[in-house]
Amino acid sequence: MKKERERLVVKFNNGRGAILCSGCRMILKIGSEFTPEETQYIRGELNHLPPQYCEQCNNELLKEHPTT
């Protein structure tokens, strides 16, 4: 994993949005899979959503920051 992010990472390609892993930037979701909150965030109606991680980056985060 490259670096932890503090917010959701969104990328656009020809007007189509995708949510990327906040660690490695792998595509996690495309527009038709977005929750209502994610759609609002992409439209600029929400200021913040927490980062999302792929399984591999999530496992690395858990190793770096284990919960008790």
C-alpha atoms as a PDB file:
ATOM      1  CA  MET A   1       0.000   0.000   0.000  1.00  0.00           C
ATOM      2  CA  LYS A   2       1.396   3.379  -0.962  1.00  0.00           C
ATOM      3  CA  LYS A   3      -0.102   5.776   1.566  1.00  0.00           C
ATOM      4  CA  GLU A   4      -3.138   6.088   3.799  1.00  0.00           C
ATOM      5  CA  ARG A   5      -5.654   8.680   2.689  1.00  0.00           C
ATOM      6  CA  GLU A   6      -8.086  10.647   4.793  1.00  0.00           C
ATOM      7  CA  ARG A   7     -10.956  10.661   2.332  1.00  0.00           C
ATOM      8  CA  LEU A   8     -12.615   8.788  -0.471  1.00  0.00           C
ATOM      9  CA  VAL A   9     -10.699   8.769  -3.788  1.00  0.00           C
ATOM     10  CA  VAL A  10     -12.770   9.375  -6.921  1.00  0.00           C
ATOM     11  CA  LYS A  11     -11.591   9.330 -10.544  1.00  0.00           C
ATOM     12  CA  PHE A  12     -13.477  10.316 -13.680  1.00  0.00           C
ATOM     13  CA  ASN A  13     -13.007   8.928 -17.183  1.00  0.00           C
ATOM     14  CA  ASN A  14     -15.171  10.447 -19.927  1.00  0.00           C
ATOM     15  CA  GLY A  15     -17.633  11.673 -17.300  1.00  0.00           C
ATOM     16  CA  ARG A  16     -17.998   8.295 -15.603  1.00  0.00           C
ATOM     17  CA  GLY A  17     -17.006   8.143 -11.977  1.00  0.00           C
ATOM     18  CA  ALA A  18     -15.177   5.382 -10.142  1.00  0.00           C
ATOM     19  CA  ILE A  19     -14.242   4.968  -6.496  1.00  0.00           C
ATOM     20  CA  LEU A  20     -10.651   3.889  -6.052  1.00  0.00           C
ATOM     21  CA  CYS A  21      -8.876   2.173  -3.201  1.00  0.00           C
ATOM     22  CA  SER A  22      -7.446   4.938  -1.051  1.00  0.00           C
ATOM     23  CA  GLY A  23      -4.208   2.946  -0.744  1.00  0.00           C
ATOM     24  CA  CYS A  24      -3.289   1.456  -4.113  1.00  0.00           C
ATOM     25  CA  ARG A  25      -5.855   3.196  -6.366  1.00  0.00           C
ATOM     26  CA  MET A  26      -7.434  -0.036  -7.667  1.00  0.00           C
ATOM     27  CA  ILE A  27     -11.010   0.477  -8.905  1.00  0.00           C
ATOM     28  CA  LEU A  28     -13.468  -0.622  -6.214  1.00  0.00           C
ATOM     29  CA  LYS A  29     -16.798   0.606  -7.619  1.00  0.00           C
ATOM     30  CA  ILE A  30     -18.212   2.186 -10.739  1.00  0.00           C
ATOM     31  CA  GLY A  31     -21.142   4.605 -10.939  1.00  0.00           C
ATOM     32  CA  SER A  32     -23.943   2.040 -11.042  1.00  0.00           C
ATOM     33  CA  GLU A  33     -22.660   0.529  -7.764  1.00  0.00           C
ATOM     34  CA  PHE A  34     -22.500   3.777  -5.752  1.00  0.00           C
ATOM     35  CA  THR A  35     -24.527   4.230  -2.585  1.00  0.00           C
ATOM     36  CA  PRO A  36     -26.703   7.368  -2.373  1.00  0.00           C
ATOM     37  CA  GLU A  37     -24.093   8.972  -0.082  1.00  0.00           C
ATOM     38  CA  GLU A  38     -21.278   8.247  -2.543  1.00  0.00           C
ATOM     39  CA  THR A  39     -23.317   9.788  -5.356  1.00  0.00           C
ATOM     40  CA  GLN A  40     -23.902  12.897  -3.239  1.00  0.00           C
ATOM     41  CA  TYR A  41     -20.182  13.139  -2.494  1.00  0.00           C
ATOM     42  CA  ILE A  42     -19.270  12.908  -6.167  1.00  0.00           C
ATOM     43  CA  ARG A  43     -21.820  15.602  -7.024  1.00  0.00           C
ATOM     44  CA  GLY A  44     -20.291  17.871  -4.385  1.00  0.00           C
ATOM     45  CA  GLU A  45     -23.320  17.683  -2.095  1.00  0.00           C
ATOM     46  CA  LEU A  46     -21.272  16.125   0.738  1.00  0.00           C
ATOM     47  CA  ASN A  47     -17.885  17.379   1.888  1.00  0.00           C
ATOM     48  CA  HIS A  48     -16.386  14.160   3.223  1.00  0.00           C
ATOM     49  CA  LEU A  49     -16.661  10.404   3.074  1.00  0.00           C
ATOM     50  CA  PRO A  50     -14.171   8.072   4.759  1.00  0.00           C
ATOM     51  CA  PRO A  51     -11.579   6.294   2.643  1.00  0.00           C
ATOM     52  CA  GLN A  52     -12.294   2.879   1.177  1.00  0.00           C
ATOM     53  CA  TYR A  53      -9.660   0.183   0.750  1.00  0.00           C
ATOM     54  CA  CYS A  54      -9.317  -3.011  -1.257  1.00  0.00           C
ATOM     55  CA  GLU A  55      -8.952  -6.216   0.729  1.00  0.00           C
ATOM     56  CA  GLN A  56      -5.163  -6.267   0.433  1.00  0.00           C
ATOM     57  CA  CYS A  57      -4.687  -2.665   1.594  1.00  0.00           C
ATOM     58  CA  ASN A  58      -7.245  -3.150   4.361  1.00  0.00           C
ATOM     59  CA  ASN A  59      -5.297  -6.190   5.613  1.00  0.00           C
ATOM     60  CA  GLU A  60      -2.059  -4.167   5.533  1.00  0.00           C
ATOM     61  CA  LEU A  61      -3.713  -1.387   7.529  1.00  0.00           C
ATOM     62  CA  LEU A  62      -4.912  -3.877  10.120  1.00  0.00           C
ATOM     63  CA  LYS A  63      -1.350  -5.202  10.491  1.00  0.00           C
ATOM     64  CA  GLU A  64       0.017  -1.649  10.881  1.00  0.00           C
ATOM     65  CA  HIS A  65      -2.749  -0.479  13.224  1.00  0.00           C
ATOM     66  CA  PRO A  66      -4.160  -3.541  15.018  1.00  0.00           C
ATOM     67  CA  THR A  67      -7.269  -3.152  17.084  1.00  0.00           C
ATOM     68  CA  THR A  68      -7.265  -4.473  20.634  1.00  0.00           C
END
